[in-house]
Amino acid sequence: MAANCILGPGAELKSSFVFGGSKLAHFNFVGDSILDREVNLEAGLIIANYRNERADPSISFLHRGKWINTSAEKFGALAGDRTKVGANAVIAPGAILAPATIVKRLSLIDQGVGAEYSN
């Protein structure tokens, strides 16, 4: 974690990079992710890092209209500068959130192959 970051009580941060000014409220799980500067995650958020619901758990993501398979079995999300994610939202493995994205409370963001992307 970089300077001026906040990791609230009960929050779990696993194998992730968190850049300056980012805030993770209480009771969050952030796994295998990259959170850019000034990202704000409200309470109860989950950034999942593994797809156990699939026969092939490798993580894919959509970039510039093309699906890219990482061949990695664990990867959470990439959240750009100033992204804000509301309480109790779930970010599925492989999600990419552009800078200044706002995710509403209770949302599901899933960019995996065969999933609809909602923002």
PDB file of N, CA and C in Angstrom:
ATOM      1  N   MET A   1       0.837  -1.182   0.000  1.00  0.00           N
ATOM      2  CA  MET A   1       0.000   0.000   0.000  1.00  0.00           C
ATOM      3  C   MET A   1       0.882   1.245   0.000  1.00  0.00           C
ATOM      4  N   ALA A   2       0.465   2.213  -0.773  1.00  0.00           N
ATOM      5  CA  ALA A   2       1.193   3.478  -0.860  1.00  0.00           C
ATOM      6  C   ALA A   2       0.766   4.414   0.271  1.00  0.00           C
ATOM      7  N   ALA A   3       1.354   5.596   0.290  1.00  0.00           N
ATOM      8  CA  ALA A   3       1.056   6.591   1.320  1.00  0.00           C
ATOM      9  C   ALA A   3      -0.383   7.072   1.240  1.00  0.00           C
ATOM     10  N   ASN A   4      -0.902   7.476   2.394  1.00  0.00           N
ATOM     11  CA  ASN A   4      -2.237   8.071   2.513  1.00  0.00           C
ATOM     12  C   ASN A   4      -3.367   7.134   2.131  1.00  0.00           C
ATOM     13  N   CYS A   5      -3.164   5.837   2.287  1.00  0.00           N
ATOM     14  CA  CYS A   5      -4.222   4.857   2.040  1.00  0.00           C
ATOM     15  C   CYS A   5      -4.876   4.495   3.359  1.00  0.00           C
ATOM     16  N   ILE A   6      -6.129   4.068   3.288  1.00  0.00           N
ATOM     17  CA  ILE A   6      -6.857   3.633   4.467  1.00  0.00           C
ATOM     18  C   ILE A   6      -7.351   2.216   4.232  1.00  0.00           C
ATOM     19  N   LEU A   7      -7.070   1.342   5.178  1.00  0.00           N
ATOM     20  CA  LEU A   7      -7.570  -0.027   5.163  1.00  0.00           C
ATOM     21  C   LEU A   7      -8.401  -0.187   6.427  1.00  0.00           C
ATOM     22  N   GLY A   8      -9.729  -0.252   6.256  1.00  0.00           N
ATOM     23  CA  GLY A   8     -10.638  -0.267   7.394  1.00  0.00           C
ATOM     24  C   GLY A   8     -10.615  -1.570   8.167  1.00  0.00           C
ATOM     25  N   PRO A   9     -11.246  -1.575   9.357  1.00  0.00           N
ATOM     26  CA  PRO A   9     -11.280  -2.772  10.187  1.00  0.00           C
ATOM     27  C   PRO A   9     -12.020  -3.916   9.502  1.00  0.00           C
ATOM     28  N   GLY A  10     -11.470  -5.118   9.633  1.00  0.00           N
ATOM     29  CA  GLY A  10     -12.103  -6.293   9.045  1.00  0.00           C
ATOM     30  C   GLY A  10     -11.900  -6.412   7.550  1.00  0.00           C
ATOM     31  N   ALA A  11     -11.147  -5.508   6.948  1.00  0.00           N
ATOM     32  CA  ALA A  11     -10.890  -5.578   5.510  1.00  0.00           C
ATOM     33  C   ALA A  11      -9.747  -6.556   5.256  1.00  0.00           C
ATOM     34  N   GLU A  12      -9.858  -7.310   4.158  1.00  0.00           N
ATOM     35  CA  GLU A  12      -8.803  -8.247   3.782  1.00  0.00           C
ATOM     36  C   GLU A  12      -8.243  -7.837   2.427  1.00  0.00           C
ATOM     37  N   LEU A  13      -6.950  -7.663   2.375  1.00  0.00           N
ATOM     38  CA  LEU A  13      -6.253  -7.279   1.159  1.00  0.00           C
ATOM     39  C   LEU A  13      -5.248  -8.380   0.867  1.00  0.00           C
ATOM     40  N   LYS A  14      -5.435  -9.088  -0.259  1.00  0.00           N
ATOM     41  CA  LYS A  14      -4.590 -10.230  -0.586  1.00  0.00           C
ATOM     42  C   LYS A  14      -3.846  -9.984  -1.882  1.00  0.00           C
ATOM     43  N   SER A  15      -2.529 -10.031  -1.836  1.00  0.00           N
ATOM     44  CA  SER A  15      -1.672  -9.967  -3.032  1.00  0.00           C
ATOM     45  C   SER A  15      -2.110  -8.883  -4.006  1.00  0.00           C
ATOM     46  N   SER A  16      -2.282  -7.670  -3.508  1.00  0.00           N
ATOM     47  CA  SER A  16      -2.775  -6.571  -4.332  1.00  0.00           C
ATOM     48  C   SER A  16      -1.857  -5.358  -4.221  1.00  0.00           C
ATOM     49  N   PHE A  17      -1.948  -4.475  -5.223  1.00  0.00           N
ATOM     50  CA  PHE A  17      -1.252  -3.201  -5.216  1.00  0.00           C
ATOM     51  C   PHE A  17      -2.296  -2.113  -5.004  1.00  0.00           C
ATOM     52  N   VAL A  18      -2.045  -1.220  -4.047  1.00  0.00           N
ATOM     53  CA  VAL A  18      -2.965  -0.127  -3.751  1.00  0.00           C
ATOM     54  C   VAL A  18      -2.155   1.167  -3.788  1.00  0.00           C
ATOM     55  N   PHE A  19      -2.532   2.073  -4.683  1.00  0.00           N
ATOM     56  CA  PHE A  19      -1.780   3.304  -4.875  1.00  0.00           C
ATOM     57  C   PHE A  19      -2.346   4.443  -4.033  1.00  0.00           C
ATOM     58  N   GLY A  20      -1.579   5.530  -3.942  1.00  0.00           N
ATOM     59  CA  GLY A  20      -1.818   6.635  -3.039  1.00  0.00           C
ATOM     60  C   GLY A  20      -3.235   7.167  -2.961  1.00  0.00           C
ATOM     61  N   GLY A  21      -3.677   7.388  -1.717  1.00  0.00           N
ATOM     62  CA  GLY A  21      -4.969   8.008  -1.468  1.00  0.00           C
ATOM     63  C   GLY A  21      -6.168   7.088  -1.582  1.00  0.00           C
ATOM     64  N   SER A  22      -5.957   5.809  -1.819  1.00  0.00           N
ATOM     65  CA  SER A  22      -7.084   4.877  -1.947  1.00  0.00           C
ATOM     66  C   SER A  22      -7.611   4.498  -0.573  1.00  0.00           C
ATOM     67  N   LYS A  23      -8.924   4.218  -0.506  1.00  0.00           N
ATOM     68  CA  LYS A  23      -9.590   3.918   0.755  1.00  0.00           C
ATOM     69  C   LYS A  23     -10.422   2.658   0.605  1.00  0.00           C
ATOM     70  N   LEU A  24     -10.162   1.693   1.479  1.00  0.00           N
ATOM     71  CA  LEU A  24     -10.930   0.455   1.524  1.00  0.00           C
ATOM     72  C   LEU A  24     -11.661   0.437   2.852  1.00  0.00           C
ATOM     73  N   ALA A  25     -12.961   0.596   2.838  1.00  0.00           N
ATOM     74  CA  ALA A  25     -13.754   0.637   4.066  1.00  0.00           C
ATOM     75  C   ALA A  25     -13.739  -0.718   4.758  1.00  0.00           C
ATOM     76  N   HIS A  26     -14.458  -0.813   5.847  1.00  0.00           N
ATOM     77  CA  HIS A  26     -14.492  -2.038   6.633  1.00  0.00           C
ATOM     78  C   HIS A  26     -15.226  -3.181   5.921  1.00  0.00           C
ATOM     79  N   PHE A  27     -14.801  -4.386   6.258  1.00  0.00           N
ATOM     80  CA  PHE A  27     -15.397  -5.633   5.767  1.00  0.00           C
ATOM     81  C   PHE A  27     -15.341  -5.795   4.253  1.00  0.00           C
ATOM     82  N   ASN A  28     -14.230  -5.427   3.662  1.00  0.00           N
ATOM     83  CA  ASN A  28     -13.998  -5.641   2.237  1.00  0.00           C
ATOM     84  C   ASN A  28     -13.083  -6.838   2.030  1.00  0.00           C
ATOM     85  N   PHE A  29     -13.198  -7.481   0.846  1.00  0.00           N
ATOM     86  CA  PHE A  29     -12.191  -8.435   0.400  1.00  0.00           C
ATOM     87  C   PHE A  29     -11.724  -7.966  -0.965  1.00  0.00           C
ATOM     88  N   VAL A  30     -10.416  -7.773  -1.108  1.00  0.00           N
ATOM     89  CA  VAL A  30      -9.813  -7.384  -2.376  1.00  0.00           C
ATOM     90  C   VAL A  30      -8.690  -8.380  -2.646  1.00  0.00           C
ATOM     91  N   GLY A  31      -8.875  -9.222  -3.665  1.00  0.00           N
ATOM     92  CA  GLY A  31      -7.885 -10.249  -3.956  1.00  0.00           C
ATOM     93  C   GLY A  31      -7.205 -10.060  -5.289  1.00  0.00           C
ATOM     94  N   ASP A  32      -5.886 -10.141  -5.289  1.00  0.00           N
ATOM     95  CA  ASP A  32      -5.069 -10.157  -6.512  1.00  0.00           C
ATOM     96  C   ASP A  32      -5.459  -9.050  -7.475  1.00  0.00           C
ATOM     97  N   SER A  33      -5.505  -7.822  -6.971  1.00  0.00           N
ATOM     98  CA  SER A  33      -6.006  -6.688  -7.749  1.00  0.00           C
ATOM     99  C   SER A  33      -5.021  -5.530  -7.781  1.00  0.00           C
ATOM    100  N   ILE A  34      -5.315  -4.569  -8.642  1.00  0.00           N
ATOM    101  CA  ILE A  34      -4.554  -3.328  -8.717  1.00  0.00           C
ATOM    102  C   ILE A  34      -5.551  -2.181  -8.581  1.00  0.00           C
ATOM    103  N   LEU A  35      -5.383  -1.388  -7.527  1.00  0.00           N
ATOM    104  CA  LEU A  35      -6.230  -0.221  -7.299  1.00  0.00           C
ATOM    105  C   LEU A  35      -5.370   1.015  -7.495  1.00  0.00           C
ATOM    106  N   ASP A  36      -5.708   1.800  -8.486  1.00  0.00           N
ATOM    107  CA  ASP A  36      -4.922   2.989  -8.810  1.00  0.00           C
ATOM    108  C   ASP A  36      -5.154   4.074  -7.756  1.00  0.00           C
ATOM    109  N   ARG A  37      -4.769   5.287  -8.023  1.00  0.00           N
ATOM    110  CA  ARG A  37      -4.842   6.379  -7.056  1.00  0.00           C
ATOM    111  C   ARG A  37      -6.280   6.808  -6.769  1.00  0.00           C
ATOM    112  N   GLU A  38      -6.506   7.116  -5.473  1.00  0.00           N
ATOM    113  CA  GLU A  38      -7.759   7.693  -4.988  1.00  0.00           C
ATOM    114  C   GLU A  38      -8.982   6.837  -5.305  1.00  0.00           C
ATOM    115  N   VAL A  39      -8.827   5.530  -5.289  1.00  0.00           N
ATOM    116  CA  VAL A  39      -9.956   4.609  -5.434  1.00  0.00           C
ATOM    117  C   VAL A  39     -10.653   4.539  -4.082  1.00  0.00           C
ATOM    118  N   ASN A  40     -11.983   4.568  -4.079  1.00  0.00           N
ATOM    119  CA  ASN A  40     -12.748   4.524  -2.837  1.00  0.00           C
ATOM    120  C   ASN A  40     -13.700   3.336  -2.887  1.00  0.00           C
ATOM    121  N   LEU A  41     -13.510   2.392  -1.968  1.00  0.00           N
ATOM    122  CA  LEU A  41     -14.361   1.207  -1.884  1.00  0.00           C
ATOM    123  C   LEU A  41     -15.175   1.286  -0.609  1.00  0.00           C
ATOM    124  N   GLU A  42     -16.504   1.335  -0.741  1.00  0.00           N
ATOM    125  CA  GLU A  42     -17.362   1.382   0.435  1.00  0.00           C
ATOM    126  C   GLU A  42     -17.424   0.017   1.117  1.00  0.00           C
ATOM    127  N   ALA A  43     -18.081  -0.054   2.242  1.00  0.00           N
ATOM    128  CA  ALA A  43     -18.124  -1.250   3.091  1.00  0.00           C
ATOM    129  C   ALA A  43     -18.769  -2.447   2.390  1.00  0.00           C
ATOM    130  N   GLY A  44     -18.256  -3.646   2.727  1.00  0.00           N
ATOM    131  CA  GLY A  44     -18.863  -4.894   2.283  1.00  0.00           C
ATOM    132  C   GLY A  44     -18.562  -5.285   0.850  1.00  0.00           C
ATOM    133  N   LEU A  45     -17.689  -4.584   0.207  1.00  0.00           N
ATOM    134  CA  LEU A  45     -17.351  -4.853  -1.193  1.00  0.00           C
ATOM    135  C   LEU A  45     -16.515  -6.121  -1.318  1.00  0.00           C
ATOM    136  N   ILE A  46     -16.732  -6.864  -2.391  1.00  0.00           N
ATOM    137  CA  ILE A  46     -15.896  -8.025  -2.682  1.00  0.00           C
ATOM    138  C   ILE A  46     -15.338  -7.876  -4.092  1.00  0.00           C
ATOM    139  N   ILE A  47     -14.018  -7.961  -4.200  1.00  0.00           N
ATOM    140  CA  ILE A  47     -13.381  -8.115  -5.503  1.00  0.00           C
ATOM    141  C   ILE A  47     -12.878  -9.549  -5.539  1.00  0.00           C
ATOM    142  N   ALA A  48     -13.642 -10.402  -6.199  1.00  0.00           N
ATOM    143  CA  ALA A  48     -13.326 -11.823  -6.256  1.00  0.00           C
ATOM    144  C   ALA A  48     -12.116 -12.054  -7.150  1.00  0.00           C
ATOM    145  N   ASN A  49     -11.375 -13.110  -6.857  1.00  0.00           N
ATOM    146  CA  ASN A  49     -10.148 -13.361  -7.596  1.00  0.00           C
ATOM    147  C   ASN A  49     -10.064 -14.765  -8.185  1.00  0.00           C
ATOM    148  N   TYR A  50     -11.126 -15.540  -8.098  1.00  0.00           N
ATOM    149  CA  TYR A  50     -11.088 -16.925  -8.589  1.00  0.00           C
ATOM    150  C   TYR A  50     -12.479 -17.330  -9.053  1.00  0.00           C
ATOM    151  N   ARG A  51     -12.546 -18.030 -10.193  1.00  0.00           N
ATOM    152  CA  ARG A  51     -13.829 -18.474 -10.749  1.00  0.00           C
ATOM    153  C   ARG A  51     -14.006 -19.974 -10.511  1.00  0.00           C
ATOM    154  N   ASN A  52     -14.520 -20.323  -9.360  1.00  0.00           N
ATOM    155  CA  ASN A  52     -14.713 -21.742  -9.060  1.00  0.00           C
ATOM    156  C   ASN A  52     -15.977 -22.319  -9.680  1.00  0.00           C
ATOM    157  N   GLU A  53     -16.778 -21.490 -10.326  1.00  0.00           N
ATOM    158  CA  GLU A  53     -18.021 -21.952 -10.943  1.00  0.00           C
ATOM    159  C   GLU A  53     -17.817 -22.469 -12.365  1.00  0.00           C
ATOM    160  N   ARG A  54     -16.593 -22.463 -12.825  1.00  0.00           N
ATOM    161  CA  ARG A  54     -16.310 -22.888 -14.196  1.00  0.00           C
ATOM    162  C   ARG A  54     -15.335 -24.060 -14.220  1.00  0.00           C
ATOM    163  N   ALA A  55     -15.464 -24.904 -15.240  1.00  0.00           N
ATOM    164  CA  ALA A  55     -14.519 -26.010 -15.410  1.00  0.00           C
ATOM    165  C   ALA A  55     -13.108 -25.481 -15.659  1.00  0.00           C
ATOM    166  N   ASP A  56     -12.998 -24.398 -16.440  1.00  0.00           N
ATOM    167  CA  ASP A  56     -11.711 -23.747 -16.694  1.00  0.00           C
ATOM    168  C   ASP A  56     -11.717 -22.416 -15.947  1.00  0.00           C
ATOM    169  N   PRO A  57     -11.025 -22.322 -14.812  1.00  0.00           N
ATOM    170  CA  PRO A  57     -11.080 -21.092 -14.023  1.00  0.00           C
ATOM    171  C   PRO A  57     -10.176 -19.964 -14.513  1.00  0.00           C
ATOM    172  N   SER A  58      -9.477 -20.143 -15.653  1.00  0.00           N
ATOM    173  CA  SER A  58      -8.563 -19.091 -16.103  1.00  0.00           C
ATOM    174  C   SER A  58      -9.331 -17.798 -16.380  1.00  0.00           C
ATOM    175  N   ILE A  59      -8.686 -16.696 -16.059  1.00  0.00           N
ATOM    176  CA  ILE A  59      -9.324 -15.383 -16.113  1.00  0.00           C
ATOM    177  C   ILE A  59      -9.154 -14.755 -17.493  1.00  0.00           C
ATOM    178  N   SER A  60     -10.273 -14.271 -18.040  1.00  0.00           N
ATOM    179  CA  SER A  60     -10.279 -13.531 -19.303  1.00  0.00           C
ATOM    180  C   SER A  60     -10.844 -12.148 -19.033  1.00  0.00           C
ATOM    181  N   PHE A  61     -10.465 -11.194 -19.871  1.00  0.00           N
ATOM    182  CA  PHE A  61     -11.057  -9.868 -19.757  1.00  0.00           C
ATOM    183  C   PHE A  61     -11.213  -9.254 -21.142  1.00  0.00           C
ATOM    184  N   LEU A  62     -12.106  -8.285 -21.223  1.00  0.00           N
ATOM    185  CA  LEU A  62     -12.389  -7.593 -22.471  1.00  0.00           C
ATOM    186  C   LEU A  62     -11.572  -6.311 -22.516  1.00  0.00           C
ATOM    187  N   HIS A  63     -10.756  -6.155 -23.569  1.00  0.00           N
ATOM    188  CA  HIS A  63      -9.945  -4.958 -23.745  1.00  0.00           C
ATOM    189  C   HIS A  63     -10.040  -4.508 -25.194  1.00  0.00           C
ATOM    190  N   ARG A  64     -10.566  -3.301 -25.394  1.00  0.00           N
ATOM    191  CA  ARG A  64     -10.723  -2.724 -26.738  1.00  0.00           C
ATOM    192  C   ARG A  64     -11.453  -3.671 -27.682  1.00  0.00           C
ATOM    193  N   GLY A  65     -12.517  -4.280 -27.162  1.00  0.00           N
ATOM    194  CA  GLY A  65     -13.366  -5.141 -27.973  1.00  0.00           C
ATOM    195  C   GLY A  65     -12.836  -6.543 -28.213  1.00  0.00           C
ATOM    196  N   LYS A  66     -11.737  -6.896 -27.586  1.00  0.00           N
ATOM    197  CA  LYS A  66     -11.144  -8.212 -27.801  1.00  0.00           C
ATOM    198  C   LYS A  66     -10.994  -8.932 -26.460  1.00  0.00           C
ATOM    199  N   TRP A  67     -11.379 -10.225 -26.437  1.00  0.00           N
ATOM    200  CA  TRP A  67     -11.214 -11.029 -25.233  1.00  0.00           C
ATOM    201  C   TRP A  67      -9.774 -11.484 -25.122  1.00  0.00           C
ATOM    202  N   ILE A  68      -9.198 -11.286 -23.956  1.00  0.00           N
ATOM    203  CA  ILE A  68      -7.827 -11.687 -23.689  1.00  0.00           C
ATOM    204  C   ILE A  68      -7.844 -12.693 -22.549  1.00  0.00           C
ATOM    205  N   ASN A  69      -7.289 -13.878 -22.799  1.00  0.00           N
ATOM    206  CA  ASN A  69      -7.188 -14.896 -21.766  1.00  0.00           C
ATOM    207  C   ASN A  69      -5.822 -14.762 -21.112  1.00  0.00           C
ATOM    208  N   THR A  70      -5.814 -14.546 -19.810  1.00  0.00           N
ATOM    209  CA  THR A  70      -4.566 -14.341 -19.083  1.00  0.00           C
ATOM    210  C   THR A  70      -3.853 -15.651 -18.760  1.00  0.00           C
ATOM    211  N   SER A  71      -4.566 -16.763 -18.829  1.00  0.00           N
ATOM    212  CA  SER A  71      -4.072 -18.074 -18.389  1.00  0.00           C
ATOM    213  C   SER A  71      -3.828 -18.125 -16.885  1.00  0.00           C
ATOM    214  N   ALA A  72      -4.077 -17.033 -16.196  1.00  0.00           N
ATOM    215  CA  ALA A  72      -3.948 -16.991 -14.733  1.00  0.00           C
ATOM    216  C   ALA A  72      -5.245 -17.493 -14.113  1.00  0.00           C
ATOM    217  N   GLU A  73      -5.125 -18.235 -13.038  1.00  0.00           N
ATOM    218  CA  GLU A  73      -6.321 -18.705 -12.344  1.00  0.00           C
ATOM    219  C   GLU A  73      -6.776 -17.730 -11.264  1.00  0.00           C
ATOM    220  N   LYS A  74      -5.905 -16.813 -10.865  1.00  0.00           N
ATOM    221  CA  LYS A  74      -6.285 -15.829  -9.859  1.00  0.00           C
ATOM    222  C   LYS A  74      -5.924 -14.433 -10.332  1.00  0.00           C
ATOM    223  N   PHE A  75      -6.931 -13.615 -10.484  1.00  0.00           N
ATOM    224  CA  PHE A  75      -6.774 -12.194 -10.759  1.00  0.00           C
ATOM    225  C   PHE A  75      -8.094 -11.526 -10.415  1.00  0.00           C
ATOM    226  N   GLY A  76      -8.032 -10.457  -9.663  1.00  0.00           N
ATOM    227  CA  GLY A  76      -9.235  -9.751  -9.258  1.00  0.00           C
ATOM    228  C   GLY A  76      -9.653  -8.713 -10.280  1.00  0.00           C
ATOM    229  N   ALA A  77      -9.287  -7.464 -10.023  1.00  0.00           N
ATOM    230  CA  ALA A  77      -9.708  -6.368 -10.890  1.00  0.00           C
ATOM    231  C   ALA A  77      -8.601  -5.333 -11.006  1.00  0.00           C
ATOM    232  N   LEU A  78      -8.758  -4.512 -12.027  1.00  0.00           N
ATOM    233  CA  LEU A  78      -7.933  -3.331 -12.223  1.00  0.00           C
ATOM    234  C   LEU A  78      -8.887  -2.145 -12.128  1.00  0.00           C
ATOM    235  N   ALA A  79      -8.697  -1.305 -11.110  1.00  0.00           N
ATOM    236  CA  ALA A  79      -9.560  -0.135 -10.910  1.00  0.00           C
ATOM    237  C   ALA A  79      -8.744   1.121 -11.155  1.00  0.00           C
ATOM    238  N   GLY A  80      -9.158   1.904 -12.125  1.00  0.00           N
ATOM    239  CA  GLY A  80      -8.439   3.121 -12.497  1.00  0.00           C
ATOM    240  C   GLY A  80      -8.595   4.238 -11.482  1.00  0.00           C
ATOM    241  N   ASP A  81      -7.768   5.278 -11.632  1.00  0.00           N
ATOM    242  CA  ASP A  81      -7.795   6.449 -10.749  1.00  0.00           C
ATOM    243  C   ASP A  81      -9.219   6.924 -10.486  1.00  0.00           C
ATOM    244  N   ARG A  82      -9.477   7.279  -9.242  1.00  0.00           N
ATOM    245  CA  ARG A  82     -10.731   7.914  -8.802  1.00  0.00           C
ATOM    246  C   ARG A  82     -11.972   7.042  -8.987  1.00  0.00           C
ATOM    247  N   THR A  83     -11.807   5.742  -9.156  1.00  0.00           N
ATOM    248  CA  THR A  83     -12.959   4.845  -9.230  1.00  0.00           C
ATOM    249  C   THR A  83     -13.627   4.801  -7.866  1.00  0.00           C
ATOM    250  N   LYS A  84     -14.958   4.754  -7.861  1.00  0.00           N
ATOM    251  CA  LYS A  84     -15.735   4.665  -6.626  1.00  0.00           C
ATOM    252  C   LYS A  84     -16.684   3.474  -6.747  1.00  0.00           C
ATOM    253  N   VAL A  85     -16.632   2.603  -5.731  1.00  0.00           N
ATOM    254  CA  VAL A  85     -17.479   1.413  -5.738  1.00  0.00           C
ATOM    255  C   VAL A  85     -18.330   1.428  -4.483  1.00  0.00           C
ATOM    256  N   GLY A  86     -19.648   1.298  -4.667  1.00  0.00           N
ATOM    257  CA  GLY A  86     -20.601   1.370  -3.570  1.00  0.00           C
ATOM    258  C   GLY A  86     -20.610   0.131  -2.696  1.00  0.00           C
ATOM    259  N   ALA A  87     -21.238   0.278  -1.550  1.00  0.00           N
ATOM    260  CA  ALA A  87     -21.304  -0.771  -0.546  1.00  0.00           C
ATOM    261  C   ALA A  87     -21.940  -2.043  -1.092  1.00  0.00           C
ATOM    262  N   ASN A  88     -21.388  -3.169  -0.650  1.00  0.00           N
ATOM    263  CA  ASN A  88     -21.904  -4.507  -0.959  1.00  0.00           C
ATOM    264  C   ASN A  88     -21.927  -4.847  -2.442  1.00  0.00           C
ATOM    265  N   ALA A  89     -21.128  -4.172  -3.229  1.00  0.00           N
ATOM    266  CA  ALA A  89     -20.990  -4.523  -4.643  1.00  0.00           C
ATOM    267  C   ALA A  89     -20.051  -5.721  -4.761  1.00  0.00           C
ATOM    268  N   VAL A  90     -20.181  -6.447  -5.864  1.00  0.00           N
ATOM    269  CA  VAL A  90     -19.299  -7.575  -6.154  1.00  0.00           C
ATOM    270  C   VAL A  90     -18.666  -7.336  -7.517  1.00  0.00           C
ATOM    271  N   ILE A  91     -17.342  -7.394  -7.546  1.00  0.00           N
ATOM    272  CA  ILE A  91     -16.589  -7.257  -8.782  1.00  0.00           C
ATOM    273  C   ILE A  91     -16.025  -8.639  -9.088  1.00  0.00           C
ATOM    274  N   ALA A  92     -16.433  -9.214 -10.206  1.00  0.00           N
ATOM    275  CA  ALA A  92     -16.009 -10.564 -10.572  1.00  0.00           C
ATOM    276  C   ALA A  92     -14.581 -10.545 -11.106  1.00  0.00           C
ATOM    277  N   PRO A  93     -13.907 -11.690 -11.071  1.00  0.00           N
ATOM    278  CA  PRO A  93     -12.524 -11.770 -11.552  1.00  0.00           C
ATOM    279  C   PRO A  93     -12.371 -11.272 -12.991  1.00  0.00           C
ATOM    280  N   GLY A  94     -11.302 -10.512 -13.214  1.00  0.00           N
ATOM    281  CA  GLY A  94     -10.974 -10.032 -14.552  1.00  0.00           C
ATOM    282  C   GLY A  94     -11.602  -8.709 -14.939  1.00  0.00           C
ATOM    283  N   ALA A  95     -12.307  -8.068 -14.018  1.00  0.00           N
ATOM    284  CA  ALA A  95     -12.963  -6.798 -14.355  1.00  0.00           C
ATOM    285  C   ALA A  95     -11.941  -5.674 -14.492  1.00  0.00           C
ATOM    286  N   ILE A  96     -12.179  -4.829 -15.467  1.00  0.00           N
ATOM    287  CA  ILE A  96     -11.372  -3.628 -15.642  1.00  0.00           C
ATOM    288  C   ILE A  96     -12.307  -2.432 -15.520  1.00  0.00           C
ATOM    289  N   LEU A  97     -12.018  -1.576 -14.544  1.00  0.00           N
ATOM    290  CA  LEU A  97     -12.825  -0.386 -14.310  1.00  0.00           C
ATOM    291  C   LEU A  97     -12.019   0.826 -14.745  1.00  0.00           C
ATOM    292  N   ALA A  98     -12.501   1.518 -15.752  1.00  0.00           N
ATOM    293  CA  ALA A  98     -11.807   2.690 -16.292  1.00  0.00           C
ATOM    294  C   ALA A  98     -11.705   3.777 -15.222  1.00  0.00           C
ATOM    295  N   PRO A  99     -10.759   4.703 -15.373  1.00  0.00           N
ATOM    296  CA  PRO A  99     -10.664   5.799 -14.410  1.00  0.00           C
ATOM    297  C   PRO A  99     -11.999   6.510 -14.237  1.00  0.00           C
ATOM    298  N   ALA A 100     -12.280   6.881 -12.991  1.00  0.00           N
ATOM    299  CA  ALA A 100     -13.485   7.617 -12.593  1.00  0.00           C
ATOM    300  C   ALA A 100     -14.784   6.821 -12.764  1.00  0.00           C
ATOM    301  N   THR A 101     -14.698   5.500 -12.870  1.00  0.00           N
ATOM    302  CA  THR A 101     -15.903   4.668 -12.913  1.00  0.00           C
ATOM    303  C   THR A 101     -16.625   4.770 -11.579  1.00  0.00           C
ATOM    304  N   ILE A 102     -17.942   4.816 -11.626  1.00  0.00           N
ATOM    305  CA  ILE A 102     -18.761   4.776 -10.416  1.00  0.00           C
ATOM    306  C   ILE A 102     -19.634   3.535 -10.500  1.00  0.00           C
ATOM    307  N   VAL A 103     -19.488   2.658  -9.513  1.00  0.00           N
ATOM    308  CA  VAL A 103     -20.279   1.437  -9.432  1.00  0.00           C
ATOM    309  C   VAL A 103     -21.287   1.625  -8.299  1.00  0.00           C
ATOM    310  N   LYS A 104     -22.561   1.475  -8.603  1.00  0.00           N
ATOM    311  CA  LYS A 104     -23.608   1.679  -7.601  1.00  0.00           C
ATOM    312  C   LYS A 104     -23.600   0.573  -6.558  1.00  0.00           C
ATOM    313  N   ARG A 105     -24.143   0.882  -5.409  1.00  0.00           N
ATOM    314  CA  ARG A 105     -24.274  -0.103  -4.331  1.00  0.00           C
ATOM    315  C   ARG A 105     -25.020  -1.327  -4.825  1.00  0.00           C
ATOM    316  N   LEU A 106     -24.634  -2.490  -4.307  1.00  0.00           N
ATOM    317  CA  LEU A 106     -25.268  -3.782  -4.597  1.00  0.00           C
ATOM    318  C   LEU A 106     -25.108  -4.230  -6.044  1.00  0.00           C
ATOM    319  N   SER A 107     -24.223  -3.616  -6.800  1.00  0.00           N
ATOM    320  CA  SER A 107     -24.024  -3.980  -8.204  1.00  0.00           C
ATOM    321  C   SER A 107     -23.165  -5.229  -8.329  1.00  0.00           C
ATOM    322  N   LEU A 108     -23.312  -5.887  -9.488  1.00  0.00           N
ATOM    323  CA  LEU A 108     -22.415  -6.970  -9.886  1.00  0.00           C
ATOM    324  C   LEU A 108     -21.744  -6.537 -11.177  1.00  0.00           C
ATOM    325  N   ILE A 109     -20.435  -6.500 -11.169  1.00  0.00           N
ATOM    326  CA  ILE A 109     -19.670  -6.187 -12.375  1.00  0.00           C
ATOM    327  C   ILE A 109     -18.957  -7.466 -12.785  1.00  0.00           C
ATOM    328  N   ASP A 110     -19.291  -7.984 -13.962  1.00  0.00           N
ATOM    329  CA  ASP A 110     -18.708  -9.244 -14.424  1.00  0.00           C
ATOM    330  C   ASP A 110     -18.399  -9.122 -15.900  1.00  0.00           C
ATOM    331  N   GLN A 111     -17.118  -9.134 -16.242  1.00  0.00           N
ATOM    332  CA  GLN A 111     -16.687  -9.040 -17.628  1.00  0.00           C
ATOM    333  C   GLN A 111     -16.188 -10.369 -18.153  1.00  0.00           C
ATOM    334  N   GLY A 112     -16.397 -11.449 -17.397  1.00  0.00           N
ATOM    335  CA  GLY A 112     -15.924 -12.752 -17.831  1.00  0.00           C
ATOM    336  C   GLY A 112     -16.614 -13.209 -19.101  1.00  0.00           C
ATOM    337  N   VAL A 113     -15.994 -14.110 -19.852  1.00  0.00           N
ATOM    338  CA  VAL A 113     -16.573 -14.626 -21.082  1.00  0.00           C
ATOM    339  C   VAL A 113     -17.952 -15.180 -20.774  1.00  0.00           C
ATOM    340  N   GLY A 114     -18.940 -14.761 -21.565  1.00  0.00           N
ATOM    341  CA  GLY A 114     -20.302 -15.227 -21.391  1.00  0.00           C
ATOM    342  C   GLY A 114     -21.096 -14.417 -20.385  1.00  0.00           C
ATOM    343  N   ALA A 115     -20.503 -13.412 -19.792  1.00  0.00           N
ATOM    344  CA  ALA A 115     -21.211 -12.589 -18.806  1.00  0.00           C
ATOM    345  C   ALA A 115     -21.516 -11.232 -19.411  1.00  0.00           C
ATOM    346  N   GLU A 116     -22.580 -10.640 -18.930  1.00  0.00           N
ATOM    347  CA  GLU A 116     -22.901  -9.275 -19.343  1.00  0.00           C
ATOM    348  C   GLU A 116     -22.108  -8.326 -18.488  1.00  0.00           C
ATOM    349  N   TYR A 117     -21.650  -7.242 -19.072  1.00  0.00           N
ATOM    350  CA  TYR A 117     -20.949  -6.209 -18.322  1.00  0.00           C
ATOM    351  C   TYR A 117     -21.961  -5.152 -17.941  1.00  0.00           C
ATOM    352  N   SER A 118     -22.001  -4.820 -16.678  1.00  0.00           N
ATOM    353  CA  SER A 118     -22.896  -3.754 -16.242  1.00  0.00           C
ATOM    354  C   SER A 118     -22.086  -2.707 -15.511  1.00  0.00           C
ATOM    355  N   ASN A 119     -22.455  -1.468 -15.737  1.00  0.00           N
ATOM    356  CA  ASN A 119     -21.723  -0.394 -15.085  1.00  0.00           C
ATOM    357  C   ASN A 119     -22.685   0.710 -14.757  1.00  0.00           C
TER     358      ASN A 119
END
